[in-house]
Structure formats: C-alpha cells, structure tokens
Protein backbone atom coordinates (compact mmCIF):
# COMPACT_ATOMS: atom_id res chain seq x y z
CA MET A 1 104.02 153.11 130.14
CA TYR A 2 102.50 149.92 128.84
CA PHE A 3 104.26 146.84 127.29
CA THR A 4 102.43 144.65 124.69
CA GLN A 5 103.10 140.91 125.24
CA LEU A 6 104.68 139.28 122.23
CA SER A 7 103.22 136.05 120.84
CA ARG A 8 105.19 132.98 121.64
CA THR A 9 105.05 131.56 118.06
CA ARG A 10 104.99 133.01 114.57
CA GLU A 11 104.54 131.44 111.08
CA VAL A 12 106.81 132.16 108.23
CA MET A 13 106.72 130.74 104.68
CA VAL A 14 109.52 128.33 103.52
CA ASN A 15 109.39 127.05 99.93
CA GLY A 16 105.59 127.80 99.92
CA LEU A 17 104.89 125.94 103.11
CA PRO A 18 104.17 127.54 106.55
CA VAL A 19 106.72 126.88 109.21
CA ARG A 20 106.27 127.82 112.94
CA VAL A 21 109.08 129.79 114.73
CA LYS A 22 109.40 130.31 118.43
CA TYR A 23 110.36 133.36 120.46
CA CYS A 24 113.68 132.92 122.57
CA ASP A 25 113.43 134.48 125.99
CA THR A 26 117.15 134.26 126.55
CA CYS A 27 118.23 135.77 123.22
CA MET A 28 115.09 137.89 123.09
CA LEU A 29 114.42 137.31 119.34
CA TYR A 30 112.31 135.12 117.05
CA ARG A 31 114.34 132.12 116.13
CA PRO A 32 114.81 131.77 112.34
CA PRO A 33 113.72 128.42 110.73
CA ARG A 34 115.90 125.42 111.73
CA CYS A 35 117.40 127.51 114.54
CA SER A 36 117.58 126.24 118.18
CA HIS A 37 118.88 127.38 121.44
CA CYS A 38 121.86 125.47 122.81
CA SER A 39 121.81 125.23 126.58
CA ILE A 40 125.58 124.65 126.83
CA CYS A 41 126.69 127.52 124.63
CA ASN A 42 123.69 129.68 125.87
CA ASN A 43 123.17 130.91 122.31
CA CYS A 44 120.78 130.48 119.42
CA VAL A 45 122.40 128.50 116.62
CA GLU A 46 121.16 128.69 112.99
CA ARG A 47 120.59 125.35 111.23
CA PHE A 48 121.37 123.66 114.66
CA ASP A 49 122.74 120.19 114.25
CA HIS A 50 124.18 119.13 117.64
CA HIS A 51 126.57 120.20 120.26
CA CYS A 52 129.86 118.30 119.65
CA PRO A 53 131.90 117.77 122.95
CA TRP A 54 134.95 116.53 120.81
CA VAL A 55 135.40 119.93 119.06
CA GLY A 56 133.99 122.01 122.00
CA GLN A 57 131.20 123.93 120.16
CA CYS A 58 127.92 123.70 118.30
CA ILE A 59 127.67 122.41 114.84
CA GLY A 60 125.48 124.59 112.77
CA LEU A 61 125.08 126.58 109.55
CA ARG A 62 128.63 128.10 109.36
CA ASN A 63 130.75 125.12 110.48
CA TYR A 64 128.80 122.05 109.39
CA ARG A 65 130.79 121.49 106.18
CA TYR A 66 134.00 121.67 108.05
CA PHE A 67 132.66 119.18 110.70
CA PHE A 68 131.69 116.86 108.00
CA MET A 69 135.11 117.14 106.41
CA PHE A 70 136.80 116.51 109.69
CA VAL A 71 134.78 113.27 110.21
CA SER A 72 135.11 112.02 106.66
CA SER A 73 138.89 112.68 106.67
CA ALA A 74 139.25 110.74 109.99
CA THR A 75 137.38 107.89 108.38
CA LEU A 76 139.73 107.95 105.38
CA LEU A 77 142.71 108.13 107.76
CA CYS A 78 141.67 105.04 109.64
CA ILE A 79 141.13 103.05 106.34
CA TYR A 80 144.58 104.32 105.12
CA VAL A 81 146.45 103.33 108.22
CA PHE A 82 144.68 100.01 108.58
CA SER A 83 145.41 99.28 104.85
CA ILE A 84 149.15 100.15 104.97
CA SER A 85 149.70 98.24 108.20
CA ALA A 86 148.05 95.08 106.77
CA TYR A 87 150.07 95.56 103.52
CA TYR A 88 153.40 95.81 105.58
CA ILE A 89 152.59 92.51 107.34
CA LYS A 90 151.97 90.91 104.02
CA VAL A 91 155.39 92.08 102.81
CA LEU A 92 157.04 90.63 105.88
CA MET A 93 155.40 87.33 105.13
CA ASP A 94 156.59 87.22 101.63
CA ASP A 95 160.26 88.19 102.46
CA SER A 96 160.61 85.70 105.28
CA HIS A 97 158.45 82.99 103.82
CA GLY A 98 156.91 82.55 107.20
CA THR A 99 153.41 82.63 108.63
CA VAL A 100 151.19 85.43 109.73
CA TRP A 101 152.20 85.02 113.45
CA LYS A 102 155.92 85.48 112.68
CA ALA A 103 155.14 88.54 110.68
CA MET A 104 153.11 90.02 113.57
CA LYS A 105 155.93 89.25 115.95
CA ALA A 106 158.32 91.04 113.70
CA SER A 107 156.20 94.16 113.55
CA PRO A 108 153.99 94.51 116.74
CA ALA A 109 153.51 98.30 115.98
CA SER A 110 151.61 97.34 112.90
CA VAL A 111 149.25 95.10 114.81
CA ILE A 112 148.53 97.74 117.41
CA LEU A 113 147.70 100.32 114.61
CA MET A 114 145.42 97.93 112.97
CA ALA A 115 143.44 97.20 116.01
CA TYR A 116 143.13 100.96 116.88
CA CYS A 117 142.08 101.91 113.39
CA PHE A 118 139.65 99.10 113.22
CA ILE A 119 137.86 100.09 116.42
CA SER A 120 137.86 103.88 115.54
CA LEU A 121 136.57 103.07 112.05
CA TRP A 122 133.29 101.92 113.59
CA PHE A 123 132.77 105.29 115.16
CA VAL A 124 133.88 107.81 112.66
CA GLY A 125 132.80 105.58 109.71
CA GLY A 126 129.31 105.18 110.98
CA LEU A 127 129.14 108.95 111.79
CA THR A 128 130.27 109.74 108.25
CA GLY A 129 127.65 107.48 106.75
CA PHE A 130 124.81 109.02 108.93
CA HIS A 131 125.80 112.51 107.89
CA LEU A 132 125.88 111.54 104.30
CA TYR A 133 122.31 110.52 104.57
CA LEU A 134 121.37 113.75 106.44
CA ILE A 135 123.03 115.89 103.67
CA SER A 136 121.28 113.97 100.94
CA THR A 137 117.80 114.56 102.55
CA ASN A 138 118.69 118.01 103.75
CA GLN A 139 118.11 117.25 107.42
CA THR A 140 119.89 118.03 110.68
CA THR A 141 120.66 115.60 113.50
CA TYR A 142 118.32 117.52 115.78
CA GLU A 143 115.54 117.38 113.20
CA ASN A 144 116.03 113.65 112.55
CA PHE A 145 115.84 112.64 116.17
CA ARG A 146 113.01 115.02 117.20
CA TYR A 147 110.70 114.85 114.20
CA ARG A 148 111.47 111.36 112.90
CA ALA A 149 108.33 109.85 114.46
CA ASP A 150 106.07 112.80 113.41
CA ASN A 151 106.09 111.95 109.79
CA ARG A 152 106.37 115.53 108.85
CA ILE A 153 107.00 116.79 105.32
CA ASN A 154 110.51 118.01 105.00
CA VAL A 155 110.14 121.55 103.45
CA TYR A 156 113.90 121.99 103.02
CA ASN A 157 114.46 118.99 100.79
CA ARG A 158 115.45 120.23 97.33
CA GLY A 159 116.70 117.03 95.86
CA CYS A 160 119.97 115.07 96.47
CA LEU A 161 122.22 117.02 94.27
CA ASN A 162 120.91 120.43 95.25
CA ASN A 163 121.21 119.50 98.92
CA PHE A 164 124.86 118.68 98.58
CA LEU A 165 125.46 121.85 96.58
CA GLU A 166 123.78 123.82 99.38
CA VAL A 167 126.00 122.34 102.06
CA PHE A 168 129.39 122.58 100.23
CA CYS A 169 129.01 125.12 97.50
CA THR A 170 127.06 128.05 99.05
CA LYS A 171 128.68 131.11 100.57
CA VAL A 172 128.86 131.08 104.35
CA LYS A 173 126.75 134.03 105.76
CA PRO A 174 128.21 136.12 108.52
CA SER A 175 127.14 135.55 112.09
CA ARG A 176 124.24 137.64 113.37
CA ASN A 177 126.18 138.09 116.59
CA ASN A 178 129.44 139.98 116.68
CA PHE A 179 131.04 138.46 119.84
CA ARG A 180 134.28 140.64 119.39
CA ASP A 181 132.33 143.98 119.21
CA PHE A 182 132.23 146.35 122.13
CA VAL A 183 129.12 146.33 124.27
CA GLN A 184 127.01 149.32 123.45
CA GLU A 185 125.48 151.35 126.28
CA GLU A 186 121.73 151.10 126.47
CA VAL A 187 119.63 154.23 126.10
CA PRO A 188 118.17 155.22 129.46
CA ARG A 189 114.47 154.66 129.52
CA GLN A 190 112.14 156.81 131.28
CA PRO A 191 110.71 155.31 134.40
CA PRO A 192 107.04 154.40 134.36
CA PRO A 193 104.75 156.99 135.84
CA VAL A 194 104.02 156.40 139.57
CA ILE A 195 100.28 156.50 140.20
CA ILE A 196 99.57 157.81 143.70
CA ARG A 197 96.31 156.58 145.18
CA GLU A 198 94.48 158.80 147.59
CA PRO A 199 93.83 157.25 151.01
CA GLU A 200 90.22 156.08 151.36
CA PRO A 201 88.09 157.84 154.00
CA ASP A 202 87.84 155.87 157.22
CA LEU A 203 84.15 155.25 157.74
CA GLY A 204 84.25 152.40 160.20
CA GLY A 205 86.73 153.81 162.69
CA ASP A 206 89.76 152.06 163.90
CA PRO A 207 89.48 148.33 163.02
CA ARG A 208 91.51 147.45 166.23
CA SER A 209 89.07 149.28 168.52
CA LYS A 210 86.24 147.53 166.81
CA VAL A 211 87.75 144.10 167.55
CA GLU A 212 88.32 145.03 171.09
CA ASP A 213 84.67 146.14 171.43
CA ASP A 214 83.48 142.82 170.00
CA LEU A 215 85.66 140.96 172.54
CA ASP A 216 84.27 143.07 175.39
CA ILE A 217 80.68 142.25 174.26
CA GLY A 218 81.56 138.53 174.07
CA GLU A 219 82.93 138.65 177.64
CA ASP A 220 79.82 140.31 178.98
CA LEU A 221 77.55 137.72 177.34
CA LEU A 222 79.60 134.94 178.83
CA LYS A 223 79.44 136.52 182.34
CA ILE A 224 75.62 136.94 182.04
CA SER A 225 75.14 133.37 180.95
CA GLN A 226 77.31 132.20 183.84
CA ARG A 227 75.42 134.25 186.36
CA ARG A 228 72.12 133.04 185.09
CA ASN A 229 73.30 129.48 185.60
CA ILE A 230 74.54 130.31 189.13
CA ASP A 231 71.16 131.98 190.02
CA GLU A 232 69.19 128.96 188.85
CA ILE A 233 71.45 126.70 190.96
CA ASP A 234 70.94 128.93 194.06
CA ASP A 235 67.22 128.93 193.62
CA ASP A 236 67.20 125.15 193.40
CA ILE A 237 69.24 124.75 196.46
CA ARG A 238 67.22 127.19 198.58
CA SER A 239 63.96 125.43 197.47
CA ARG A 240 65.32 122.06 198.63
CA GLY A 241 67.06 123.42 201.76
CA SER A 242 63.74 124.73 203.07
CA ASN A 243 62.48 121.07 203.50
CA GLY A 244 65.39 120.15 205.67
CA PRO A 245 68.95 118.84 205.14
CA TYR A 246 69.40 117.73 201.60
CA ASN A 247 71.04 114.39 200.95
CA ILE A 248 71.79 112.63 197.73
CA THR A 249 68.60 110.71 196.76
CA SER A 250 66.84 109.81 193.56
CA GLU A 251 65.97 113.55 193.14
CA GLY A 252 69.73 114.29 193.32
CA ASP A 253 70.27 111.72 190.53
CA SER A 254 67.74 113.55 188.39
CA VAL A 255 69.48 116.75 189.03
CA LEU A 256 72.79 115.19 188.13
CA GLY A 257 71.24 113.76 184.99
CA SER A 258 70.20 117.29 183.85
CA ASP A 259 74.03 118.24 184.03
CA ARG A 260 73.59 120.33 187.16
CA ARG A 261 75.64 119.07 190.07
CA THR A 262 74.62 120.69 193.50
CA PRO A 263 76.64 120.32 196.82
CA THR A 264 75.22 118.13 199.56
CA VAL A 265 74.94 120.86 202.30
CA ARG A 266 72.26 122.91 203.70
CA SER A 267 71.41 126.12 201.84
CA GLU A 268 71.80 128.45 204.78
CA GLU A 269 75.27 127.06 205.60
CA ARG A 270 76.63 126.73 202.00
CA HIS A 271 79.93 128.43 201.48
CA SER A 272 81.20 126.80 198.38
CA SER A 273 84.61 127.66 196.91
CA TRP A 274 83.18 127.71 193.44
CA ARG A 275 83.17 131.48 193.24
CA ARG A 276 86.97 131.55 194.00
CA SER A 277 88.31 128.59 191.97
CA GLY A 278 85.61 128.08 189.49
CA SER A 279 85.20 124.30 190.48
CA TRP A 280 82.56 122.40 192.39
CA GLU A 281 84.90 121.30 195.19
CA ILE A 282 83.59 121.89 198.73
CA ALA A 283 85.85 123.79 201.19
CA ALA A 284 87.14 122.01 204.34
CA ASP A 285 85.45 124.61 206.72
CA VAL A 286 82.14 123.98 205.11
CA LEU A 287 82.43 120.25 205.60
CA ALA A 288 83.49 120.85 209.26
CA ASN A 289 80.39 123.08 209.93
CA SER A 290 78.04 120.58 208.36
CA ASN A 291 79.41 117.76 210.58
CA VAL A 292 78.84 119.81 213.80
CA THR A 293 75.29 120.74 212.75
CA GLU A 294 74.37 117.12 212.01
CA THR A 295 75.84 115.99 215.41
CA ARG A 296 73.76 118.58 217.39
CA SER A 297 70.58 117.64 215.61
CA TYR A 298 71.15 113.94 216.22
CA VAL A 299 71.73 114.53 220.07
CA SER A 300 68.65 116.64 220.38
CA SER A 301 66.47 113.92 218.69
CA ARG A 302 67.81 111.29 221.18
CA GLN A 303 66.94 113.47 224.15
C-alpha cells in the first residue's frame, strides 16, 4: 500500500489573482484563503483576525462583526458616562454657585467615573478606530501585522462601501466543523502487506569465528617477531661472551643506541628473568653467581 505525499502549498484564484494556500498538518486540510491555525484554540479559523483573551476565543469570519460591535459599543459607553459625569458636576457648580473643587467634593463618584472612562477610552477607542481602518481596507489584524512590510497587493479590497457591506450585511456561513456532532467511527483500513525477505546464503561462514581466526593469526605473528628479537639478542650475547666477560664499554653504548639493551653477565651463566616477567631486570641469583665467578678469576690471576 503506497501513500502519495501531498504538496505543502497550492494556488487558488481570488478576484482574478493567484493566492497561495498551505496544508495544515494538525487539521489535515488545505486552509482556505485568509485562514490560519490558532495555536491556543488548536483549530483553523477562517478569516483569522486575532485571538482575543478578553472574550476567550478567536475572532474570525463568523464573529468579527459582533466583536466590532462590542468594542464600538464600549467606546460609546465610555464617552456617554464621561459626558454625563462632567455634565452633573457642571450642574452642581451652577446650583451652589461654587467652584469646580466644591462640586467635585460634593460628588466624588462622578470624579471616579470620569477618570475610569477617560483611561478606558484610550484602549477601546483606539481599538475601534483601528478596526474601522481594517474594515475600510478589507484587512485583518493578522494580515496587517504580517504583510504590512511586504507591500503586497490586497486582492480582497473591493472598495470602502463594499467592504463595510461584506462585514455587516452578508449572511454568516455555517462552520465547517460541527463540534456538537458525535464522533464517527473510522473505517478499518487494511494493513499494508508484509514483505518477507529470504535469508541470504552464508558464504563467508560465521563472522565471529572469522574474527577469532584473525586474532589468533595476529597473536602468532607477534610471538614470531618477539622470538626473532630474542634469538638475535642471544646470538649477540654468545658472540661477545666467547671473548671473555662482557662489561659495559663503548661497544655496549652502541648496542644501547640501537635500542637493544643486553645484560652485563657472561653468556654461559646468563639466567635472566626476562622470560618469566617480560622485563630486563636481572635476578638476584644471577648476580650472586656472577660475583663468585669474578672473585675466583681474580684470586687465580694473583697467584
């Protein structure tokens, strides 16, 4: 069973101009134009504007007009409350023939409402003005912030009047996702065919035994090389021992310079411990025998 890989993008025509749409891996569909995936709602939203934390959901195609009405009505409410509070303080000034400070002391609630509405008006009023600009140019907040520096042609702009009619006077389309519907069971798919590969014939034998054979051959070569070095050293000692006791002389320095260090004992009495310990240290019994032999030769020469 083979699966064809879908292309990541696709081009569609909008008002006679090509628009590139992307494939959503989470929702497993090609996003319609002006659609984006919200990471908070974990859902693709048509005509995605922004995710509003104050209303707790995304603002898109089906609730944008209601969001704009909410923001604009909040702006009008702030203006109304501020105006009525200011008018009430003016009435108190006219009745008591006093100053503004006396009127504010007489009605501190009006002063608090005026301050609260004045601060809130900067937020909701600025948001209302910004969305009026977006509606007149048929943009979304997401498109304005993302593509503002690209100088792209707005293919959705149909004129100021038609843009307002599209937002407030068109019929709201139903959602493509029915979140209240029951989940349908998926149709069981046939498992992909299992391809059984035949074992390849073993032509080289057991790889483990081959490695062991290689290690044995390497050990044999090492033993042969060590034995050859030992035989050369024995021949050198015998050739020098035939001329009398061998002491460290200039010839010995030449032997040491050639990386071959020989023991300073006679060849017929050499019992080195090299074969047992693998080092060139001379055993104590060999040193004792060599001292006795030298003493006897010295006494005989004096006699």
